PDB file of N, CA and C in Angstrom:
ATOM      1  N   MET A   1     138.404 109.957  68.353  1.00  0.00           N
ATOM      2  CA  MET A   1     138.874 110.434  69.633  1.00  0.00           C
ATOM      3  C   MET A   1     137.686 111.055  70.443  1.00  0.00           C
ATOM      4  N   TYR A   2     137.553 110.617  71.636  1.00  0.00           N
ATOM      5  CA  TYR A   2     136.577 111.107  72.523  1.00  0.00           C
ATOM      6  C   TYR A   2     137.032 111.607  73.810  1.00  0.00           C
ATOM      7  N   ARG A   3     136.247 112.511  74.503  1.00  0.00           N
ATOM      8  CA  ARG A   3     136.494 112.922  75.836  1.00  0.00           C
ATOM      9  C   ARG A   3     136.331 111.649  76.715  1.00  0.00           C
ATOM     10  N   SER A   4     137.121 111.440  77.667  1.00  0.00           N
ATOM     11  CA  SER A   4     136.976 110.271  78.537  1.00  0.00           C
ATOM     12  C   SER A   4     135.878 110.453  79.618  1.00  0.00           C
ATOM     13  N   ARG A   5     135.224 109.373  79.819  1.00  0.00           N
ATOM     14  CA  ARG A   5     134.209 109.360  80.876  1.00  0.00           C
ATOM     15  C   ARG A   5     134.771 108.837  82.171  1.00  0.00           C
ATOM     16  N   ASP A   6     135.859 107.974  82.044  1.00  0.00           N
ATOM     17  CA  ASP A   6     136.454 107.376  83.155  1.00  0.00           C
ATOM     18  C   ASP A   6     137.587 108.124  83.796  1.00  0.00           C
ATOM     19  N   ASN A   7     138.381 108.724  82.935  1.00  0.00           N
ATOM     20  CA  ASN A   7     139.522 109.383  83.349  1.00  0.00           C
ATOM     21  C   ASN A   7     139.488 110.868  83.069  1.00  0.00           C
ATOM     22  N   SER A   8     138.720 111.547  83.882  1.00  0.00           N
ATOM     23  CA  SER A   8     138.577 112.972  83.728  1.00  0.00           C
ATOM     24  C   SER A   8     138.708 113.692  84.991  1.00  0.00           C
ATOM     25  N   VAL A   9     139.385 114.855  84.954  1.00  0.00           N
ATOM     26  CA  VAL A   9     139.540 115.747  86.049  1.00  0.00           C
ATOM     27  C   VAL A   9     138.512 116.926  85.866  1.00  0.00           C
ATOM     28  N   LEU A  10     138.585 117.565  84.705  1.00  0.00           N
ATOM     29  CA  LEU A  10     137.667 118.719  84.468  1.00  0.00           C
ATOM     30  C   LEU A  10     136.632 118.251  83.404  1.00  0.00           C
ATOM     31  N   ALA A  11     137.078 117.999  82.255  1.00  0.00           N
ATOM     32  CA  ALA A  11     136.041 117.647  81.164  1.00  0.00           C
ATOM     33  C   ALA A  11     136.484 116.328  80.415  1.00  0.00           C
ATOM     34  N   GLY A  12     137.529 115.740  80.824  1.00  0.00           N
ATOM     35  CA  GLY A  12     137.940 114.474  80.126  1.00  0.00           C
ATOM     36  C   GLY A  12     138.764 114.639  78.868  1.00  0.00           C
ATOM     37  N   VAL A  13     139.125 115.886  78.525  1.00  0.00           N
ATOM     38  CA  VAL A  13     139.866 116.068  77.266  1.00  0.00           C
ATOM     39  C   VAL A  13     141.196 115.502  77.429  1.00  0.00           C
ATOM     40  N   CYS A  14     142.008 115.699  78.367  1.00  0.00           N
ATOM     41  CA  CYS A  14     143.327 115.108  78.512  1.00  0.00           C
ATOM     42  C   CYS A  14     143.265 113.536  78.632  1.00  0.00           C
ATOM     43  N   GLY A  15     142.306 113.088  79.377  1.00  0.00           N
ATOM     44  CA  GLY A  15     142.148 111.632  79.545  1.00  0.00           C
ATOM     45  C   GLY A  15     141.812 110.982  78.156  1.00  0.00           C
ATOM     46  N   GLY A  16     140.925 111.588  77.373  1.00  0.00           N
ATOM     47  CA  GLY A  16     140.607 111.146  76.025  1.00  0.00           C
ATOM     48  C   GLY A  16     141.788 111.079  75.109  1.00  0.00           C
ATOM     49  N   ILE A  17     142.561 112.144  75.100  1.00  0.00           N
ATOM     50  CA  ILE A  17     143.693 112.203  74.285  1.00  0.00           C
ATOM     51  C   ILE A  17     144.722 111.182  74.731  1.00  0.00           C
ATOM     52  N   ALA A  18     144.910 111.036  76.001  1.00  0.00           N
ATOM     53  CA  ALA A  18     145.944 110.032  76.498  1.00  0.00           C
ATOM     54  C   ALA A  18     145.480 108.660  76.139  1.00  0.00           C
ATOM     55  N   GLN A  19     144.204 108.293  76.181  1.00  0.00           N
ATOM     56  CA  GLN A  19     143.686 106.974  75.757  1.00  0.00           C
ATOM     57  C   GLN A  19     143.954 106.787  74.308  1.00  0.00           C
ATOM     58  N   HIS A  20     143.643 107.896  73.508  1.00  0.00           N
ATOM     59  CA  HIS A  20     143.887 107.740  72.043  1.00  0.00           C
ATOM     60  C   HIS A  20     145.379 107.519  71.712  1.00  0.00           C
ATOM     61  N   LEU A  21     146.274 108.144  72.407  1.00  0.00           N
ATOM     62  CA  LEU A  21     147.713 108.063  72.088  1.00  0.00           C
ATOM     63  C   LEU A  21     148.375 106.827  72.771  1.00  0.00           C
ATOM     64  N   GLY A  22     147.716 106.294  73.735  1.00  0.00           N
ATOM     65  CA  GLY A  22     148.257 105.161  74.511  1.00  0.00           C
ATOM     66  C   GLY A  22     149.197 105.625  75.614  1.00  0.00           C
ATOM     67  N   TRP A  23     149.057 106.852  76.066  1.00  0.00           N
ATOM     68  CA  TRP A  23     149.941 107.417  77.102  1.00  0.00           C
ATOM     69  C   TRP A  23     149.153 107.307  78.451  1.00  0.00           C
ATOM     70  N   SER A  24     149.951 107.498  79.518  1.00  0.00           N
ATOM     71  CA  SER A  24     149.244 107.718  80.845  1.00  0.00           C
ATOM     72  C   SER A  24     148.682 109.091  80.823  1.00  0.00           C
ATOM     73  N   SER A  25     147.574 109.244  81.515  1.00  0.00           N
ATOM     74  CA  SER A  25     146.909 110.514  81.610  1.00  0.00           C
ATOM     75  C   SER A  25     147.726 111.520  82.404  1.00  0.00           C
ATOM     76  N   PHE A  26     148.438 110.980  83.417  1.00  0.00           N
ATOM     77  CA  PHE A  26     149.322 111.843  84.189  1.00  0.00           C
ATOM     78  C   PHE A  26     150.369 112.518  83.373  1.00  0.00           C
ATOM     79  N   ARG A  27     150.950 111.746  82.520  1.00  0.00           N
ATOM     80  CA  ARG A  27     152.059 112.275  81.640  1.00  0.00           C
ATOM     81  C   ARG A  27     151.485 113.284  80.746  1.00  0.00           C
ATOM     82  N   LEU A  28     150.374 113.092  80.132  1.00  0.00           N
ATOM     83  CA  LEU A  28     149.885 114.030  79.179  1.00  0.00           C
ATOM     84  C   LEU A  28     149.441 115.316  79.942  1.00  0.00           C
ATOM     85  N   ARG A  29     148.966 115.204  81.126  1.00  0.00           N
ATOM     86  CA  ARG A  29     148.527 116.362  81.907  1.00  0.00           C
ATOM     87  C   ARG A  29     149.749 117.224  82.285  1.00  0.00           C
ATOM     88  N   VAL A  30     150.906 116.579  82.595  1.00  0.00           N
ATOM     89  CA  VAL A  30     152.107 117.266  82.885  1.00  0.00           C
ATOM     90  C   VAL A  30     152.578 118.046  81.718  1.00  0.00           C
ATOM     91  N   VAL A  31     152.619 117.351  80.574  1.00  0.00           N
ATOM     92  CA  VAL A  31     153.023 117.982  79.327  1.00  0.00           C
ATOM     93  C   VAL A  31     152.119 119.176  78.937  1.00  0.00           C
ATOM     94  N   TRP A  32     150.865 118.978  79.173  1.00  0.00           N
ATOM     95  CA  TRP A  32     149.801 120.015  78.843  1.00  0.00           C
ATOM     96  C   TRP A  32     150.086 121.271  79.725  1.00  0.00           C
ATOM     97  N   VAL A  33     150.277 121.063  81.058  1.00  0.00           N
ATOM     98  CA  VAL A  33     150.509 122.193  81.978  1.00  0.00           C
ATOM     99  C   VAL A  33     151.700 122.886  81.551  1.00  0.00           C
ATOM    100  N   LEU A  34     152.809 122.179  81.289  1.00  0.00           N
ATOM    101  CA  LEU A  34     154.088 122.791  80.894  1.00  0.00           C
ATOM    102  C   LEU A  34     153.976 123.598  79.535  1.00  0.00           C
ATOM    103  N   ALA A  35     153.230 122.989  78.650  1.00  0.00           N
ATOM    104  CA  ALA A  35     153.060 123.646  77.341  1.00  0.00           C
ATOM    105  C   ALA A  35     152.161 124.883  77.494  1.00  0.00           C
ATOM    106  N   THR A  36     151.247 124.867  78.393  1.00  0.00           N
ATOM    107  CA  THR A  36     150.352 125.998  78.736  1.00  0.00           C
ATOM    108  C   THR A  36     151.180 127.133  79.294  1.00  0.00           C
ATOM    109  N   ILE A  37     152.019 126.808  80.262  1.00  0.00           N
ATOM    110  CA  ILE A  37     152.908 127.795  80.805  1.00  0.00           C
ATOM    111  C   ILE A  37     153.808 128.479  79.914  1.00  0.00           C
ATOM    112  N   PHE A  38     154.505 127.581  79.020  1.00  0.00           N
ATOM    113  CA  PHE A  38     155.509 128.138  78.094  1.00  0.00           C
ATOM    114  C   PHE A  38     154.902 128.762  76.843  1.00  0.00           C
ATOM    115  N   THR A  39     153.567 128.703  76.595  1.00  0.00           N
ATOM    116  CA  THR A  39     153.029 129.262  75.410  1.00  0.00           C
ATOM    117  C   THR A  39     152.098 130.385  75.803  1.00  0.00           C
ATOM    118  N   ALA A  40     152.335 131.057  76.902  1.00  0.00           N
ATOM    119  CA  ALA A  40     151.526 132.241  77.385  1.00  0.00           C
ATOM    120  C   ALA A  40     150.083 131.810  77.552  1.00  0.00           C
ATOM    121  N   PHE A  41     149.845 130.643  78.087  1.00  0.00           N
ATOM    122  CA  PHE A  41     148.462 130.118  78.459  1.00  0.00           C
ATOM    123  C   PHE A  41     147.596 129.853  77.227  1.00  0.00           C
ATOM    124  N   ALA A  42     148.181 129.578  76.044  1.00  0.00           N
ATOM    125  CA  ALA A  42     147.426 129.190  74.894  1.00  0.00           C
ATOM    126  C   ALA A  42     146.814 127.790  75.032  1.00  0.00           C
ATOM    127  N   GLY A  43     147.431 126.975  75.945  1.00  0.00           N
ATOM    128  CA  GLY A  43     146.803 125.693  76.235  1.00  0.00           C
ATOM    129  C   GLY A  43     145.451 125.756  76.889  1.00  0.00           C
ATOM    130  N   VAL A  44     145.130 126.847  77.558  1.00  0.00           N
ATOM    131  CA  VAL A  44     143.789 126.998  78.052  1.00  0.00           C
ATOM    132  C   VAL A  44     142.800 127.189  77.025  1.00  0.00           C
ATOM    133  N   VAL A  45     143.108 127.923  75.933  1.00  0.00           N
ATOM    134  CA  VAL A  45     142.275 128.221  74.851  1.00  0.00           C
ATOM    135  C   VAL A  45     142.048 126.896  74.074  1.00  0.00           C
ATOM    136  N   VAL A  46     143.141 126.207  73.858  1.00  0.00           N
ATOM    137  CA  VAL A  46     142.997 124.912  73.092  1.00  0.00           C
ATOM    138  C   VAL A  46     142.122 123.847  73.893  1.00  0.00           C
ATOM    139  N   TYR A  47     142.337 123.834  75.225  1.00  0.00           N
ATOM    140  CA  TYR A  47     141.579 122.904  76.016  1.00  0.00           C
ATOM    141  C   TYR A  47     140.112 123.291  75.953  1.00  0.00           C
ATOM    142  N   LEU A  48     139.716 124.581  76.026  1.00  0.00           N
ATOM    143  CA  LEU A  48     138.345 124.911  75.959  1.00  0.00           C
ATOM    144  C   LEU A  48     137.771 124.577  74.590  1.00  0.00           C
ATOM    145  N   ALA A  49     138.561 124.792  73.471  1.00  0.00           N
ATOM    146  CA  ALA A  49     138.040 124.442  72.150  1.00  0.00           C
ATOM    147  C   ALA A  49     137.887 123.003  72.077  1.00  0.00           C
ATOM    148  N   LEU A  50     138.799 122.200  72.554  1.00  0.00           N
ATOM    149  CA  LEU A  50     138.600 120.747  72.529  1.00  0.00           C
ATOM    150  C   LEU A  50     137.493 120.244  73.355  1.00  0.00           C
ATOM    151  N   TRP A  51     137.178 120.887  74.455  1.00  0.00           N
ATOM    152  CA  TRP A  51     136.089 120.553  75.310  1.00  0.00           C
ATOM    153  C   TRP A  51     134.761 120.709  74.557  1.00  0.00           C
ATOM    154  N   PHE A  52     134.773 121.803  73.736  1.00  0.00           N
ATOM    155  CA  PHE A  52     133.561 122.028  72.942  1.00  0.00           C
ATOM    156  C   PHE A  52     133.457 121.050  71.761  1.00  0.00           C
ATOM    157  N   LEU A  53     134.682 120.802  71.104  1.00  0.00           N
ATOM    158  CA  LEU A  53     134.649 120.089  69.875  1.00  0.00           C
ATOM    159  C   LEU A  53     134.610 118.538  69.969  1.00  0.00           C
ATOM    160  N   MET A  54     135.345 118.060  71.048  1.00  0.00           N
ATOM    161  CA  MET A  54     135.460 116.630  71.206  1.00  0.00           C
ATOM    162  C   MET A  54     134.126 116.018  71.784  1.00  0.00           C
ATOM    163  N   PRO A  55     133.596 114.997  71.141  1.00  0.00           N
ATOM    164  CA  PRO A  55     132.351 114.423  71.760  1.00  0.00           C
ATOM    165  C   PRO A  55     132.697 113.611  72.960  1.00  0.00           C
ATOM    166  N   LYS A  56     131.794 113.483  73.833  1.00  0.00           N
ATOM    167  CA  LYS A  56     131.911 112.615  75.045  1.00  0.00           C
ATOM    168  C   LYS A  56     131.912 111.136  74.609  1.00  0.00           C
ATOM    169  N   ALA A  57     132.722 110.336  75.215  1.00  0.00           N
ATOM    170  CA  ALA A  57     132.811 108.874  74.809  1.00  0.00           C
ATOM    171  C   ALA A  57     131.466 108.263  75.055  1.00  0.00           C
ATOM    172  N   PRO A  58     131.059 107.381  74.140  1.00  0.00           N
ATOM    173  CA  PRO A  58     129.827 106.674  74.233  1.00  0.00           C
ATOM    174  C   PRO A  58     129.864 105.719  75.494  1.00  0.00           C
ATOM    175  N   THR A  59     128.620 105.529  76.028  1.00  0.00           N
ATOM    176  CA  THR A  59     128.622 104.633  77.213  1.00  0.00           C
ATOM    177  C   THR A  59     128.797 103.198  76.800  1.00  0.00           C
ATOM    178  N   GLU A  60     129.236 102.339  77.728  1.00  0.00           N
ATOM    179  CA  GLU A  60     129.398 101.004  77.454  1.00  0.00           C
ATOM    180  C   GLU A  60     128.223 100.235  77.186  1.00  0.00           C
ATOM    181  N   PHE A  61     127.060 100.721  77.664  1.00  0.00           N
ATOM    182  CA  PHE A  61     125.812 100.002  77.529  1.00  0.00           C
ATOM    183  C   PHE A  61     125.231 100.225  76.119  1.00  0.00           C
ATOM    184  N   GLU A  62     124.840  99.131  75.504  1.00  0.00           N
ATOM    185  CA  GLU A  62     124.352  99.230  74.158  1.00  0.00           C
ATOM    186  C   GLU A  62     122.886  98.791  74.164  1.00  0.00           C
ATOM    187  N   PRO A  63     121.904  99.742  74.301  1.00  0.00           N
ATOM    188  CA  PRO A  63     120.537  99.286  74.302  1.00  0.00           C
ATOM    189  C   PRO A  63     120.034  98.616  73.073  1.00  0.00           C
ATOM    190  N   ALA A  64     120.624  98.909  71.951  1.00  0.00           N
ATOM    191  CA  ALA A  64     120.111  98.339  70.692  1.00  0.00           C
ATOM    192  C   ALA A  64     120.327  96.840  70.627  1.00  0.00           C
ATOM    193  N   VAL A  65     121.336  96.291  71.405  1.00  0.00           N
ATOM    194  CA  VAL A  65     121.577  94.897  71.417  1.00  0.00           C
ATOM    195  C   VAL A  65     120.501  94.194  72.178  1.00  0.00           C
ATOM    196  N   LEU A  66     119.916  94.925  73.215  1.00  0.00           N
ATOM    197  CA  LEU A  66     118.847  94.318  73.933  1.00  0.00           C
ATOM    198  C   LEU A  66     117.485  94.571  73.266  1.00  0.00           C
ATOM    199  N   GLN A  67     117.403  95.317  72.235  1.00  0.00           N
ATOM    200  CA  GLN A  67     116.202  95.607  71.498  1.00  0.00           C
ATOM    201  C   GLN A  67     116.407  95.222  70.050  1.00  0.00           C
ATOM    202  N   PRO A  68     116.164  93.974  69.708  1.00  0.00           N
ATOM    203  CA  PRO A  68     116.498  93.470  68.364  1.00  0.00           C
ATOM    204  C   PRO A  68     115.704  94.116  67.206  1.00  0.00           C
ATOM    205  N   TRP A  69     114.573  94.815  67.587  1.00  0.00           N
ATOM    206  CA  TRP A  69     113.903  95.548  66.540  1.00  0.00           C
ATOM    207  C   TRP A  69     114.502  96.797  66.005  1.00  0.00           C
ATOM    208  N   LYS A  70     115.514  97.246  66.772  1.00  0.00           N
ATOM    209  CA  LYS A  70     116.207  98.462  66.371  1.00  0.00           C
ATOM    210  C   LYS A  70     117.502  98.015  65.515  1.00  0.00           C
ATOM    211  N   LYS A  71     117.727  98.744  64.467  1.00  0.00           N
ATOM    212  CA  LYS A  71     118.845  98.368  63.629  1.00  0.00           C
ATOM    213  C   LYS A  71     120.142  99.034  64.160  1.00  0.00           C
ATOM    214  N   VAL A  72     121.226  98.296  64.264  1.00  0.00           N
ATOM    215  CA  VAL A  72     122.507  98.758  64.707  1.00  0.00           C
ATOM    216  C   VAL A  72     123.248  99.256  63.424  1.00  0.00           C
ATOM    217  N   HIS A  73     123.735 100.442  63.478  1.00  0.00           N
ATOM    218  CA  HIS A  73     124.501 101.009  62.329  1.00  0.00           C
ATOM    219  C   HIS A  73     125.993 100.895  62.568  1.00  0.00           C
TER     220      HIS A  73
END
């Protein structure tokens, strides 16, 4: 699971989770906001933690393919 590069409003956390679950990002953001409100803003802490812990999605460009002397793992 990665933070989204294409579907991000703040840090791409909700976009990345939505892509991973196969949901629309709008639906996940609505659920996230409602959960944040009903849990005394614990969603903000979780969002910040995921922003720190989730890696950014890799770019689509693969330079190793264009450089055959580099090994692809």
